[in-house]
């Protein structure tokens, strides 16, 4: 039977909760960096979380990217500022604008990711392999084939069956870089919105930087 977690509304809410958490993290990181604290890894992960959740939202609730129509097809609201009120007003932007902003966050955040920062607990983090897998999917959707291949090579390495985690490797066949290009969206992977929701991002991405209580848990966005 379908549960609430299988509903479009849950997906929408969980995605925007993760985005809200990322934005609060980025605000706190900016304040710390102004004081000379190095938060580059946390910044990179927050940017990737924001990009990924918008990427999922635009592909679930809007038209898929088509360069002929992307500038006129309606996308989703791309939220980049921390929420200061419960029911804020957000403008939808075009699919092209949504993808342009995803690209900006992705390409700014990816070079900042360092697996060493996660120590022995890389799960539920955007590792470099996970980030490259997301980049591969993004470039695949926009038709930038060479960049998609390069990102797939980075993500899969020499051992594609275990390069990017157990939950994904079960779905892949060891056929090299083409594997990730053939693989359809995997809902059980570590970037699915429930894993990027407010409590998790507060504990893992910005440990010691942001407390869960600083994020308005009642924040909501109405579905169009």
N, C-alpha and C. Protein backbone atom coordinates (compact mmCIF):
# COMPACT_ATOMS: atom_id res chain seq x y z
N UNK A 1 0.84 -1.19 0.00
CA UNK A 1 0.00 0.00 0.00
C UNK A 1 0.88 1.25 0.00
N UNK A 2 0.37 2.26 -0.66
CA UNK A 2 1.09 3.53 -0.70
C UNK A 2 1.02 4.23 0.67
N UNK A 3 2.15 4.68 1.14
CA UNK A 3 2.20 5.42 2.40
C UNK A 3 2.46 6.88 2.10
N UNK A 4 2.40 7.71 3.14
CA UNK A 4 2.66 9.14 2.94
C UNK A 4 4.06 9.37 2.39
N UNK A 5 5.02 8.53 2.81
CA UNK A 5 6.39 8.70 2.32
C UNK A 5 6.51 8.42 0.83
N UNK A 6 5.52 7.75 0.25
CA UNK A 6 5.54 7.50 -1.19
C UNK A 6 4.82 8.59 -1.97
N UNK A 7 4.29 9.59 -1.29
CA UNK A 7 3.45 10.58 -1.95
C UNK A 7 4.27 11.73 -2.53
N UNK A 8 3.77 12.38 -3.58
CA UNK A 8 4.46 13.56 -4.12
C UNK A 8 4.62 14.67 -3.08
N UNK A 9 3.63 14.83 -2.22
CA UNK A 9 3.70 15.88 -1.22
C UNK A 9 4.87 15.66 -0.26
N UNK A 10 5.08 14.40 0.15
CA UNK A 10 6.19 14.10 1.05
C UNK A 10 7.52 14.38 0.36
N UNK A 11 7.63 13.98 -0.90
CA UNK A 11 8.87 14.21 -1.65
C UNK A 11 9.15 15.71 -1.75
N UNK A 12 8.11 16.48 -2.06
CA UNK A 12 8.24 17.93 -2.17
C UNK A 12 8.71 18.53 -0.84
N UNK A 13 8.03 18.16 0.24
CA UNK A 13 8.35 18.74 1.54
C UNK A 13 9.74 18.34 2.01
N UNK A 14 10.09 17.06 1.85
CA UNK A 14 11.41 16.59 2.29
C UNK A 14 12.53 17.28 1.51
N UNK A 15 12.31 17.49 0.23
CA UNK A 15 13.32 18.15 -0.59
C UNK A 15 13.53 19.58 -0.15
N UNK A 16 12.45 20.31 0.05
CA UNK A 16 12.60 21.71 0.45
C UNK A 16 13.07 21.85 1.90
N UNK A 17 12.79 20.87 2.73
CA UNK A 17 13.37 20.89 4.08
C UNK A 17 14.88 20.74 4.01
N UNK A 18 15.35 19.87 3.13
CA UNK A 18 16.80 19.70 2.96
C UNK A 18 17.42 20.97 2.41
N UNK A 19 16.74 21.62 1.47
CA UNK A 19 17.24 22.87 0.90
C UNK A 19 17.30 23.96 1.98
N UNK A 20 16.26 24.02 2.81
CA UNK A 20 16.24 25.01 3.89
C UNK A 20 17.40 24.79 4.85
N UNK A 21 17.66 23.53 5.17
CA UNK A 21 18.78 23.21 6.06
C UNK A 21 20.11 23.60 5.43
N UNK A 22 20.27 23.33 4.14
CA UNK A 22 21.51 23.69 3.44
C UNK A 22 21.71 25.20 3.46
N UNK A 23 20.63 25.95 3.26
CA UNK A 23 20.75 27.41 3.24
C UNK A 23 21.12 27.97 4.61
N UNK A 24 20.55 27.41 5.66
CA UNK A 24 20.93 27.85 7.00
C UNK A 24 22.39 27.49 7.29
N UNK A 25 22.81 26.33 6.82
CA UNK A 25 24.21 25.92 7.00
C UNK A 25 25.14 26.88 6.27
N UNK A 26 24.78 27.24 5.05
CA UNK A 26 25.63 28.15 4.26
C UNK A 26 25.71 29.53 4.91
N UNK A 27 24.62 29.97 5.50
CA UNK A 27 24.64 31.26 6.20
C UNK A 27 25.60 31.20 7.39
N UNK A 28 25.51 30.11 8.18
CA UNK A 28 26.39 29.96 9.33
C UNK A 28 27.84 29.81 8.90
N UNK A 29 28.07 29.08 7.81
CA UNK A 29 29.42 28.89 7.30
C UNK A 29 30.03 30.23 6.87
N UNK A 30 29.23 31.08 6.20
CA UNK A 30 29.72 32.39 5.77
C UNK A 30 30.15 33.23 6.97
N UNK A 31 29.39 33.16 8.05
CA UNK A 31 29.74 33.91 9.26
C UNK A 31 31.04 33.39 9.87
N UNK A 32 31.21 32.07 9.88
CA UNK A 32 32.43 31.50 10.43
C UNK A 32 33.65 31.80 9.56
N UNK A 33 33.45 31.72 8.25
CA UNK A 33 34.57 32.00 7.34
C UNK A 33 35.02 33.46 7.44
N UNK A 34 34.06 34.35 7.75
CA UNK A 34 34.42 35.76 7.94
C UNK A 34 35.32 35.94 9.16
N UNK A 35 35.28 34.97 10.07
CA UNK A 35 36.13 35.00 11.27
C UNK A 35 37.41 34.19 11.09
N UNK A 36 37.62 33.66 9.88
CA UNK A 36 38.84 32.94 9.59
C UNK A 36 38.77 31.44 9.78
N UNK A 37 37.57 30.90 10.00
CA UNK A 37 37.40 29.46 10.18
C UNK A 37 37.24 28.79 8.81
N UNK A 38 37.99 27.73 8.57
CA UNK A 38 37.92 27.01 7.30
C UNK A 38 36.76 26.02 7.33
N UNK A 39 35.74 26.28 6.54
CA UNK A 39 34.57 25.39 6.46
C UNK A 39 34.33 24.96 5.02
N UNK A 40 35.41 24.86 4.24
CA UNK A 40 35.26 24.61 2.80
C UNK A 40 34.57 23.29 2.50
N UNK A 41 34.90 22.23 3.25
CA UNK A 41 34.27 20.93 2.99
C UNK A 41 32.78 20.99 3.30
N UNK A 42 32.43 21.59 4.43
CA UNK A 42 31.02 21.70 4.79
C UNK A 42 30.27 22.58 3.79
N UNK A 43 30.91 23.63 3.32
CA UNK A 43 30.29 24.48 2.31
C UNK A 43 30.03 23.71 1.03
N UNK A 44 31.02 22.93 0.59
CA UNK A 44 30.86 22.14 -0.63
C UNK A 44 29.71 21.16 -0.52
N UNK A 45 29.61 20.50 0.63
CA UNK A 45 28.54 19.51 0.80
C UNK A 45 27.17 20.17 0.85
N UNK A 46 27.07 21.32 1.50
CA UNK A 46 25.80 22.03 1.57
C UNK A 46 25.37 22.51 0.18
N UNK A 47 26.32 23.00 -0.61
CA UNK A 47 26.00 23.43 -1.97
C UNK A 47 25.51 22.26 -2.81
N UNK A 48 26.16 21.10 -2.66
CA UNK A 48 25.75 19.93 -3.43
C UNK A 48 24.37 19.44 -2.99
N UNK A 49 24.10 19.48 -1.69
CA UNK A 49 22.77 19.09 -1.22
C UNK A 49 21.70 20.00 -1.78
N UNK A 50 21.98 21.29 -1.80
CA UNK A 50 21.00 22.24 -2.36
C UNK A 50 20.80 21.99 -3.85
N UNK A 51 21.89 21.77 -4.56
CA UNK A 51 21.79 21.51 -5.99
C UNK A 51 21.04 20.22 -6.27
N UNK A 52 21.37 19.16 -5.55
CA UNK A 52 20.76 17.86 -5.82
C UNK A 52 19.26 17.88 -5.57
N UNK A 53 18.83 18.49 -4.48
CA UNK A 53 17.41 18.50 -4.18
C UNK A 53 16.61 19.32 -5.18
N UNK A 54 17.18 20.44 -5.64
CA UNK A 54 16.51 21.19 -6.70
C UNK A 54 16.48 20.37 -8.00
N UNK A 55 17.54 19.64 -8.25
CA UNK A 55 17.60 18.78 -9.44
C UNK A 55 16.49 17.74 -9.42
N UNK A 56 16.30 17.11 -8.27
CA UNK A 56 15.23 16.12 -8.15
C UNK A 56 13.86 16.78 -8.29
N UNK A 57 13.67 17.92 -7.67
CA UNK A 57 12.38 18.61 -7.73
C UNK A 57 12.02 19.01 -9.16
N UNK A 58 12.97 19.58 -9.89
CA UNK A 58 12.64 20.04 -11.23
C UNK A 58 12.32 18.88 -12.17
N UNK A 59 12.91 17.72 -11.90
CA UNK A 59 12.65 16.57 -12.77
C UNK A 59 11.39 15.80 -12.38
N UNK A 60 10.93 15.99 -11.16
CA UNK A 60 9.69 15.34 -10.73
C UNK A 60 8.48 16.23 -11.01
N UNK A 61 8.63 17.54 -10.81
CA UNK A 61 7.48 18.43 -10.86
C UNK A 61 7.48 19.38 -12.05
N UNK A 62 8.41 19.23 -12.96
CA UNK A 62 8.45 20.09 -14.15
C UNK A 62 8.85 19.26 -15.36
N UNK A 63 8.91 19.91 -16.50
CA UNK A 63 9.34 19.24 -17.72
C UNK A 63 10.81 18.90 -17.64
N UNK A 64 11.19 17.78 -18.25
CA UNK A 64 12.61 17.46 -18.33
C UNK A 64 13.32 18.45 -19.25
N UNK A 65 14.62 18.57 -19.04
CA UNK A 65 15.38 19.57 -19.77
C UNK A 65 15.39 19.29 -21.27
N UNK A 66 14.98 20.30 -22.03
CA UNK A 66 15.03 20.25 -23.49
C UNK A 66 15.51 21.63 -23.92
N UNK A 67 16.70 21.71 -24.54
CA UNK A 67 17.25 23.02 -24.87
C UNK A 67 16.33 23.87 -25.74
N UNK A 68 15.44 23.24 -26.49
CA UNK A 68 14.53 23.99 -27.36
C UNK A 68 13.43 24.70 -26.57
N UNK A 69 13.10 24.18 -25.39
CA UNK A 69 11.98 24.73 -24.63
C UNK A 69 12.34 25.11 -23.20
N UNK A 70 13.58 24.86 -22.79
CA UNK A 70 13.95 25.05 -21.38
C UNK A 70 13.76 26.49 -20.91
N UNK A 71 13.93 27.45 -21.80
CA UNK A 71 13.81 28.85 -21.40
C UNK A 71 12.36 29.26 -21.15
N UNK A 72 11.42 28.51 -21.69
CA UNK A 72 10.00 28.87 -21.52
C UNK A 72 9.25 27.87 -20.64
N UNK A 73 9.72 26.64 -20.53
CA UNK A 73 9.09 25.68 -19.61
C UNK A 73 9.29 26.15 -18.18
N UNK A 74 8.24 26.02 -17.37
CA UNK A 74 8.34 26.43 -15.97
C UNK A 74 9.05 25.37 -15.15
N UNK A 75 10.01 25.82 -14.35
CA UNK A 75 10.74 24.91 -13.47
C UNK A 75 10.19 24.95 -12.06
N UNK A 76 11.05 25.13 -11.08
CA UNK A 76 10.62 25.21 -9.68
C UNK A 76 11.27 26.44 -9.05
N UNK A 77 10.84 26.77 -7.85
CA UNK A 77 11.47 27.87 -7.12
C UNK A 77 12.84 27.42 -6.64
N UNK A 78 13.88 28.19 -6.99
CA UNK A 78 15.23 27.85 -6.55
C UNK A 78 15.55 28.72 -5.35
N UNK A 79 15.55 28.11 -4.19
CA UNK A 79 15.68 28.85 -2.93
C UNK A 79 17.13 28.87 -2.48
N UNK A 80 17.67 30.07 -2.32
CA UNK A 80 19.09 30.19 -1.94
C UNK A 80 19.29 30.98 -0.64
N UNK A 81 18.22 31.46 -0.05
CA UNK A 81 18.33 32.22 1.18
C UNK A 81 17.66 31.46 2.32
N UNK A 82 18.19 31.57 3.53
CA UNK A 82 17.55 30.91 4.68
C UNK A 82 16.13 31.43 4.88
N UNK A 83 15.23 30.53 5.26
CA UNK A 83 13.84 30.91 5.48
C UNK A 83 13.71 31.63 6.81
N UNK A 84 13.13 32.82 6.78
CA UNK A 84 12.95 33.62 7.98
C UNK A 84 11.48 33.70 8.39
N UNK A 85 10.60 33.17 7.56
CA UNK A 85 9.18 33.15 7.87
C UNK A 85 8.60 31.81 7.44
N UNK A 86 7.49 31.44 8.07
CA UNK A 86 6.92 30.11 7.83
C UNK A 86 6.37 29.99 6.42
N UNK A 87 5.60 30.97 5.98
CA UNK A 87 4.99 30.90 4.66
C UNK A 87 5.54 32.02 3.79
N UNK A 88 6.72 31.82 3.26
CA UNK A 88 7.32 32.80 2.38
C UNK A 88 6.78 32.68 0.96
N UNK A 89 7.04 33.71 0.18
CA UNK A 89 6.60 33.70 -1.22
C UNK A 89 7.81 33.41 -2.11
N UNK A 90 7.68 32.42 -2.97
CA UNK A 90 8.78 32.01 -3.83
C UNK A 90 8.31 31.97 -5.27
N UNK A 91 9.10 32.56 -6.14
CA UNK A 91 8.77 32.61 -7.57
C UNK A 91 9.37 31.42 -8.30
N UNK A 92 8.55 30.79 -9.13
CA UNK A 92 9.08 29.75 -10.01
C UNK A 92 9.93 30.39 -11.09
N UNK A 93 10.99 29.71 -11.45
CA UNK A 93 11.82 30.16 -12.57
C UNK A 93 11.73 29.11 -13.67
N UNK A 94 12.27 29.42 -14.81
CA UNK A 94 12.19 28.48 -15.93
C UNK A 94 13.06 27.25 -15.67
N UNK A 95 12.84 26.22 -16.46
CA UNK A 95 13.68 25.02 -16.36
C UNK A 95 15.14 25.39 -16.62
N UNK A 96 15.37 26.26 -17.61
CA UNK A 96 16.75 26.68 -17.90
C UNK A 96 17.37 27.38 -16.71
N UNK A 97 16.65 28.31 -16.10
CA UNK A 97 17.19 29.01 -14.94
C UNK A 97 17.45 28.04 -13.78
N UNK A 98 16.53 27.10 -13.60
CA UNK A 98 16.72 26.10 -12.54
C UNK A 98 18.00 25.32 -12.77
N UNK A 99 18.20 24.85 -14.00
CA UNK A 99 19.41 24.07 -14.31
C UNK A 99 20.67 24.93 -14.22
N UNK A 100 20.58 26.20 -14.63
CA UNK A 100 21.75 27.08 -14.53
C UNK A 100 22.18 27.24 -13.07
N UNK A 101 21.20 27.36 -12.17
CA UNK A 101 21.52 27.53 -10.76
C UNK A 101 22.01 26.23 -10.14
N UNK A 102 21.46 25.12 -10.59
CA UNK A 102 21.98 23.81 -10.15
C UNK A 102 23.44 23.67 -10.56
N UNK A 103 23.73 24.02 -11.81
CA UNK A 103 25.10 23.92 -12.31
C UNK A 103 26.04 24.78 -11.47
N UNK A 104 25.62 25.99 -11.15
CA UNK A 104 26.47 26.89 -10.37
C UNK A 104 26.81 26.28 -9.01
N UNK A 105 25.79 25.76 -8.31
CA UNK A 105 26.04 25.15 -7.00
C UNK A 105 26.88 23.89 -7.13
N UNK A 106 26.58 23.07 -8.13
CA UNK A 106 27.32 21.83 -8.34
C UNK A 106 28.79 22.09 -8.63
N UNK A 107 29.06 22.98 -9.56
CA UNK A 107 30.43 23.21 -9.98
C UNK A 107 31.23 24.02 -8.96
N UNK A 108 30.54 24.77 -8.10
CA UNK A 108 31.23 25.45 -7.01
C UNK A 108 31.49 24.50 -5.85
N UNK A 109 30.54 23.62 -5.59
CA UNK A 109 30.66 22.74 -4.44
C UNK A 109 31.55 21.53 -4.64
N UNK A 110 31.55 20.96 -5.84
CA UNK A 110 32.26 19.70 -6.06
C UNK A 110 33.76 19.79 -5.76
N UNK A 111 34.47 20.84 -6.18
CA UNK A 111 35.91 20.88 -5.88
C UNK A 111 36.23 21.00 -4.39
N UNK A 112 35.25 21.38 -3.59
CA UNK A 112 35.48 21.56 -2.16
C UNK A 112 35.36 20.26 -1.36
N UNK A 113 34.76 19.23 -2.00
CA UNK A 113 34.52 17.97 -1.30
C UNK A 113 35.83 17.23 -1.06
N UNK A 114 35.99 16.72 0.16
CA UNK A 114 37.18 15.93 0.49
C UNK A 114 36.74 14.76 1.37
N UNK A 115 36.97 13.55 0.88
CA UNK A 115 36.59 12.36 1.66
C UNK A 115 37.34 12.27 2.98
N UNK A 116 38.52 12.85 3.05
CA UNK A 116 39.31 12.78 4.28
C UNK A 116 38.59 13.45 5.44
N UNK A 117 37.75 14.42 5.14
CA UNK A 117 37.05 15.16 6.19
C UNK A 117 36.03 14.29 6.91
N UNK A 118 35.60 13.19 6.27
CA UNK A 118 34.58 12.34 6.86
C UNK A 118 35.16 11.21 7.71
N UNK A 119 36.47 11.05 7.66
CA UNK A 119 37.11 10.03 8.47
C UNK A 119 36.60 8.64 8.12
N UNK A 120 36.22 7.90 9.17
CA UNK A 120 35.72 6.54 8.99
C UNK A 120 34.20 6.49 8.87
N UNK A 121 33.55 7.64 8.73
CA UNK A 121 32.09 7.65 8.66
C UNK A 121 31.60 8.40 7.42
N UNK A 122 31.87 7.86 6.22
CA UNK A 122 31.47 8.55 5.00
C UNK A 122 29.99 8.41 4.66
N UNK A 123 29.27 7.48 5.30
CA UNK A 123 27.87 7.28 4.97
C UNK A 123 27.05 8.52 5.31
N UNK A 124 26.05 8.75 4.49
CA UNK A 124 25.15 9.90 4.65
C UNK A 124 25.85 11.22 4.41
N UNK A 125 27.02 11.16 3.77
CA UNK A 125 27.71 12.37 3.35
C UNK A 125 27.80 12.36 1.83
N UNK A 126 27.98 13.55 1.25
CA UNK A 126 28.27 13.65 -0.17
C UNK A 126 29.77 13.41 -0.34
N UNK A 127 30.15 12.15 -0.50
CA UNK A 127 31.55 11.85 -0.79
C UNK A 127 31.88 12.36 -2.19
N UNK A 128 33.16 12.36 -2.51
CA UNK A 128 33.55 12.82 -3.85
C UNK A 128 32.96 11.91 -4.93
N UNK A 129 32.91 10.61 -4.65
CA UNK A 129 32.32 9.68 -5.63
C UNK A 129 30.84 9.97 -5.84
N UNK A 130 30.13 10.20 -4.74
CA UNK A 130 28.70 10.52 -4.84
C UNK A 130 28.49 11.83 -5.60
N UNK A 131 29.34 12.81 -5.33
CA UNK A 131 29.23 14.09 -6.01
C UNK A 131 29.48 13.93 -7.51
N UNK A 132 30.45 13.12 -7.88
CA UNK A 132 30.73 12.89 -9.29
C UNK A 132 29.59 12.12 -9.96
N UNK A 133 28.97 11.21 -9.22
CA UNK A 133 27.83 10.48 -9.77
C UNK A 133 26.68 11.44 -10.05
N UNK A 134 26.44 12.38 -9.13
CA UNK A 134 25.42 13.41 -9.36
C UNK A 134 25.79 14.27 -10.56
N UNK A 135 27.06 14.66 -10.65
CA UNK A 135 27.51 15.47 -11.78
C UNK A 135 27.29 14.73 -13.10
N UNK A 136 27.57 13.44 -13.10
CA UNK A 136 27.36 12.63 -14.30
C UNK A 136 25.91 12.68 -14.74
N UNK A 137 25.01 12.49 -13.78
CA UNK A 137 23.58 12.52 -14.11
C UNK A 137 23.16 13.90 -14.60
N UNK A 138 23.66 14.95 -13.98
CA UNK A 138 23.31 16.32 -14.41
C UNK A 138 23.76 16.55 -15.86
N UNK A 139 25.03 16.24 -16.15
CA UNK A 139 25.53 16.47 -17.51
C UNK A 139 24.85 15.57 -18.53
N UNK A 140 24.44 14.39 -18.10
CA UNK A 140 23.70 13.50 -18.99
C UNK A 140 22.36 14.14 -19.36
N UNK A 141 21.69 14.72 -18.39
CA UNK A 141 20.37 15.31 -18.64
C UNK A 141 20.46 16.53 -19.56
N UNK A 142 21.55 17.29 -19.46
CA UNK A 142 21.66 18.49 -20.31
C UNK A 142 22.37 18.19 -21.62
N UNK A 143 22.77 16.95 -21.83
CA UNK A 143 23.35 16.55 -23.11
C UNK A 143 24.82 16.88 -23.28
N UNK A 144 25.54 17.07 -22.18
CA UNK A 144 26.97 17.33 -22.27
C UNK A 144 27.70 16.00 -22.05
N UNK A 145 27.79 15.24 -23.12
CA UNK A 145 28.18 13.83 -23.03
C UNK A 145 29.59 13.63 -22.51
N UNK A 146 30.54 14.43 -23.01
CA UNK A 146 31.92 14.23 -22.58
C UNK A 146 32.08 14.49 -21.08
N UNK A 147 31.43 15.53 -20.59
CA UNK A 147 31.49 15.81 -19.15
C UNK A 147 30.83 14.69 -18.35
N UNK A 148 29.75 14.12 -18.90
CA UNK A 148 29.09 13.01 -18.22
C UNK A 148 30.02 11.80 -18.12
N UNK A 149 30.74 11.52 -19.20
CA UNK A 149 31.68 10.39 -19.20
C UNK A 149 32.81 10.64 -18.21
N UNK A 150 33.34 11.85 -18.21
CA UNK A 150 34.44 12.16 -17.29
C UNK A 150 34.00 12.04 -15.83
N UNK A 151 32.79 12.51 -15.53
CA UNK A 151 32.27 12.40 -14.16
C UNK A 151 32.03 10.95 -13.79
N UNK A 152 31.53 10.15 -14.75
CA UNK A 152 31.31 8.72 -14.49
C UNK A 152 32.61 8.01 -14.20
N UNK A 153 33.65 8.36 -14.95
CA UNK A 153 34.97 7.76 -14.71
C UNK A 153 35.46 8.09 -13.30
N UNK A 154 35.26 9.33 -12.89
CA UNK A 154 35.69 9.74 -11.56
C UNK A 154 34.89 9.02 -10.48
N UNK A 155 33.61 8.84 -10.72
CA UNK A 155 32.75 8.21 -9.71
C UNK A 155 33.01 6.72 -9.59
N UNK A 156 33.19 6.05 -10.72
CA UNK A 156 33.29 4.59 -10.71
C UNK A 156 34.70 4.08 -10.52
N UNK A 157 35.68 4.80 -10.98
CA UNK A 157 37.06 4.36 -10.83
C UNK A 157 37.29 3.02 -11.52
N UNK A 158 38.18 2.21 -10.94
CA UNK A 158 38.53 0.93 -11.54
C UNK A 158 37.65 -0.21 -11.06
N UNK A 159 36.80 0.05 -10.08
CA UNK A 159 35.96 -1.00 -9.51
C UNK A 159 34.54 -0.50 -9.35
N UNK A 160 33.76 -0.47 -10.44
CA UNK A 160 32.43 0.15 -10.38
C UNK A 160 31.45 -0.55 -9.48
N UNK A 161 31.69 -1.80 -9.12
CA UNK A 161 30.71 -2.50 -8.29
C UNK A 161 30.74 -2.05 -6.84
N UNK A 162 31.81 -1.38 -6.41
CA UNK A 162 31.85 -0.96 -5.01
C UNK A 162 32.33 0.48 -4.85
N UNK A 163 32.43 1.19 -5.96
CA UNK A 163 33.02 2.53 -5.90
C UNK A 163 32.11 3.55 -5.22
N UNK A 164 30.80 3.40 -5.35
CA UNK A 164 29.93 4.46 -4.83
C UNK A 164 28.89 3.93 -3.86
N UNK A 165 29.24 2.88 -3.13
CA UNK A 165 28.40 2.47 -2.02
C UNK A 165 27.57 1.24 -2.30
N UNK A 166 27.24 0.52 -1.25
CA UNK A 166 26.53 -0.74 -1.36
C UNK A 166 25.16 -0.59 -1.99
N UNK A 167 24.39 0.43 -1.59
CA UNK A 167 23.02 0.55 -2.08
C UNK A 167 22.95 0.77 -3.57
N UNK A 168 23.95 1.48 -4.14
CA UNK A 168 23.94 1.69 -5.58
C UNK A 168 24.58 0.51 -6.30
N UNK A 169 25.63 -0.05 -5.74
CA UNK A 169 26.36 -1.10 -6.44
C UNK A 169 25.49 -2.32 -6.69
N UNK A 170 24.46 -2.54 -5.86
CA UNK A 170 23.55 -3.66 -6.11
C UNK A 170 22.80 -3.47 -7.42
N UNK A 171 22.66 -2.22 -7.83
CA UNK A 171 21.88 -1.93 -9.04
C UNK A 171 22.75 -1.82 -10.28
N UNK A 172 24.06 -1.91 -10.12
CA UNK A 172 24.96 -1.71 -11.25
C UNK A 172 25.60 -3.01 -11.71
N UNK A 173 25.88 -3.09 -12.96
CA UNK A 173 26.64 -4.19 -13.52
C UNK A 173 28.04 -3.66 -13.80
N UNK A 174 29.08 -4.47 -13.56
CA UNK A 174 30.46 -3.98 -13.72
C UNK A 174 30.86 -3.84 -15.18
N UNK A 175 30.29 -2.81 -15.84
CA UNK A 175 30.57 -2.61 -17.26
C UNK A 175 31.34 -1.32 -17.50
N UNK A 176 32.02 -0.82 -16.47
CA UNK A 176 32.83 0.37 -16.64
C UNK A 176 32.01 1.64 -16.60
N UNK A 177 32.53 2.68 -17.23
CA UNK A 177 31.92 4.00 -17.10
C UNK A 177 30.52 4.07 -17.70
N UNK A 178 30.17 3.17 -18.64
CA UNK A 178 28.85 3.22 -19.24
C UNK A 178 27.76 2.86 -18.24
N UNK A 179 28.16 2.17 -17.18
CA UNK A 179 27.18 1.70 -16.22
C UNK A 179 26.34 2.83 -15.66
N UNK A 180 27.01 3.87 -15.20
CA UNK A 180 26.28 4.94 -14.54
C UNK A 180 25.43 5.72 -15.52
N UNK A 181 25.79 5.69 -16.80
CA UNK A 181 24.98 6.36 -17.81
C UNK A 181 23.72 5.57 -18.10
N UNK A 182 23.77 4.26 -17.87
CA UNK A 182 22.61 3.42 -18.15
C UNK A 182 21.69 3.29 -16.95
N UNK A 183 22.24 3.54 -15.78
CA UNK A 183 21.48 3.30 -14.55
C UNK A 183 20.38 4.34 -14.39
N UNK A 184 19.16 3.89 -14.14
CA UNK A 184 18.07 4.80 -13.89
C UNK A 184 18.14 5.32 -12.47
N UNK A 185 17.32 6.31 -12.15
CA UNK A 185 17.34 6.90 -10.82
C UNK A 185 17.16 5.83 -9.75
N UNK A 186 18.01 5.84 -8.74
CA UNK A 186 17.96 4.86 -7.64
C UNK A 186 17.41 5.56 -6.41
N UNK A 187 16.20 5.20 -5.98
CA UNK A 187 15.56 5.91 -4.89
C UNK A 187 16.16 5.56 -3.54
N UNK A 188 16.90 4.45 -3.46
CA UNK A 188 17.44 4.05 -2.16
C UNK A 188 18.84 4.59 -1.91
N UNK A 189 19.35 5.41 -2.82
CA UNK A 189 20.71 5.89 -2.63
C UNK A 189 20.76 6.93 -1.51
N UNK A 190 21.97 7.28 -1.11
CA UNK A 190 22.13 8.12 0.07
C UNK A 190 21.75 9.57 -0.16
N UNK A 191 21.34 9.94 -1.40
CA UNK A 191 20.98 11.34 -1.62
C UNK A 191 19.48 11.53 -1.69
N UNK A 192 18.70 10.47 -1.45
CA UNK A 192 17.25 10.61 -1.50
C UNK A 192 16.79 11.60 -0.43
N UNK A 193 15.83 12.47 -0.74
CA UNK A 193 15.45 13.54 0.19
C UNK A 193 15.28 13.17 1.65
N UNK A 194 14.68 12.02 2.02
CA UNK A 194 14.59 11.73 3.45
C UNK A 194 15.94 11.71 4.15
N UNK A 195 16.99 11.29 3.42
CA UNK A 195 18.32 11.25 4.04
C UNK A 195 18.95 12.64 4.07
N UNK A 196 18.39 13.57 3.26
CA UNK A 196 18.91 14.93 3.24
C UNK A 196 18.01 15.85 4.04
N UNK A 197 17.11 15.32 4.82
CA UNK A 197 16.16 16.13 5.56
C UNK A 197 16.82 16.87 6.70
N UNK A 198 16.09 17.76 7.30
CA UNK A 198 16.62 18.71 8.28
C UNK A 198 17.43 18.08 9.40
N UNK A 199 16.96 17.07 10.11
CA UNK A 199 17.74 16.55 11.23
C UNK A 199 19.10 16.00 10.82
N UNK A 200 19.13 15.31 9.65
CA UNK A 200 20.39 14.69 9.24
C UNK A 200 21.43 15.73 8.83
N UNK A 201 21.00 16.68 8.02
CA UNK A 201 21.98 17.65 7.54
C UNK A 201 22.54 18.46 8.70
N UNK A 202 21.74 18.67 9.74
CA UNK A 202 22.21 19.43 10.88
C UNK A 202 23.28 18.66 11.64
N UNK A 203 23.13 17.34 11.73
CA UNK A 203 24.08 16.55 12.50
C UNK A 203 25.35 16.26 11.71
N UNK A 204 25.21 15.94 10.43
CA UNK A 204 26.35 15.42 9.69
C UNK A 204 27.11 16.46 8.90
N UNK A 205 26.42 17.30 8.13
CA UNK A 205 27.13 18.24 7.29
C UNK A 205 27.74 19.35 8.11
N UNK A 206 27.01 19.84 9.07
CA UNK A 206 27.47 21.04 9.78
C UNK A 206 27.60 20.78 11.26
N UNK A 207 28.12 19.63 11.64
CA UNK A 207 28.34 19.31 13.04
C UNK A 207 29.20 20.40 13.69
N UNK A 208 28.72 20.94 14.78
CA UNK A 208 29.46 21.98 15.48
C UNK A 208 29.28 23.36 14.89
N UNK A 209 28.54 23.46 13.78
CA UNK A 209 28.34 24.76 13.14
C UNK A 209 26.91 25.24 13.33
N UNK A 210 25.97 24.33 13.15
CA UNK A 210 24.57 24.72 13.15
C UNK A 210 23.77 23.77 14.02
N UNK A 211 22.95 24.28 14.87
CA UNK A 211 22.10 23.45 15.72
C UNK A 211 20.75 23.29 15.05
N UNK A 212 20.12 22.10 15.19
CA UNK A 212 18.80 21.90 14.58
C UNK A 212 17.78 22.95 15.00
N UNK A 213 17.90 23.46 16.22
CA UNK A 213 16.91 24.41 16.70
C UNK A 213 16.94 25.74 15.97
N UNK A 214 18.02 25.98 15.18
CA UNK A 214 18.12 27.25 14.48
C UNK A 214 17.33 27.24 13.19
N UNK A 215 16.77 26.09 12.81
CA UNK A 215 16.03 25.99 11.56
C UNK A 215 14.55 25.88 11.87
N UNK A 216 13.69 26.70 11.25
CA UNK A 216 12.26 26.64 11.55
C UNK A 216 11.65 25.35 11.04
N UNK A 217 11.36 24.41 11.95
CA UNK A 217 10.87 23.09 11.55
C UNK A 217 9.50 23.16 10.89
N UNK A 218 8.77 24.25 11.11
CA UNK A 218 7.43 24.34 10.55
C UNK A 218 7.41 24.96 9.16
N UNK A 219 8.60 25.25 8.62
CA UNK A 219 8.66 25.88 7.30
C UNK A 219 8.00 24.98 6.26
N UNK A 220 7.18 25.59 5.42
CA UNK A 220 6.48 24.81 4.40
C UNK A 220 6.48 25.59 3.09
N UNK A 221 6.32 24.84 2.00
CA UNK A 221 6.12 25.45 0.71
C UNK A 221 4.92 24.78 0.08
N UNK A 222 4.04 25.56 -0.49
CA UNK A 222 2.82 25.02 -1.06
C UNK A 222 3.09 24.49 -2.46
N UNK A 223 2.55 23.32 -2.76
CA UNK A 223 2.71 22.75 -4.10
C UNK A 223 1.91 23.56 -5.10
N UNK A 224 2.48 23.74 -6.32
CA UNK A 224 1.71 24.41 -7.37
C UNK A 224 0.82 23.40 -8.06
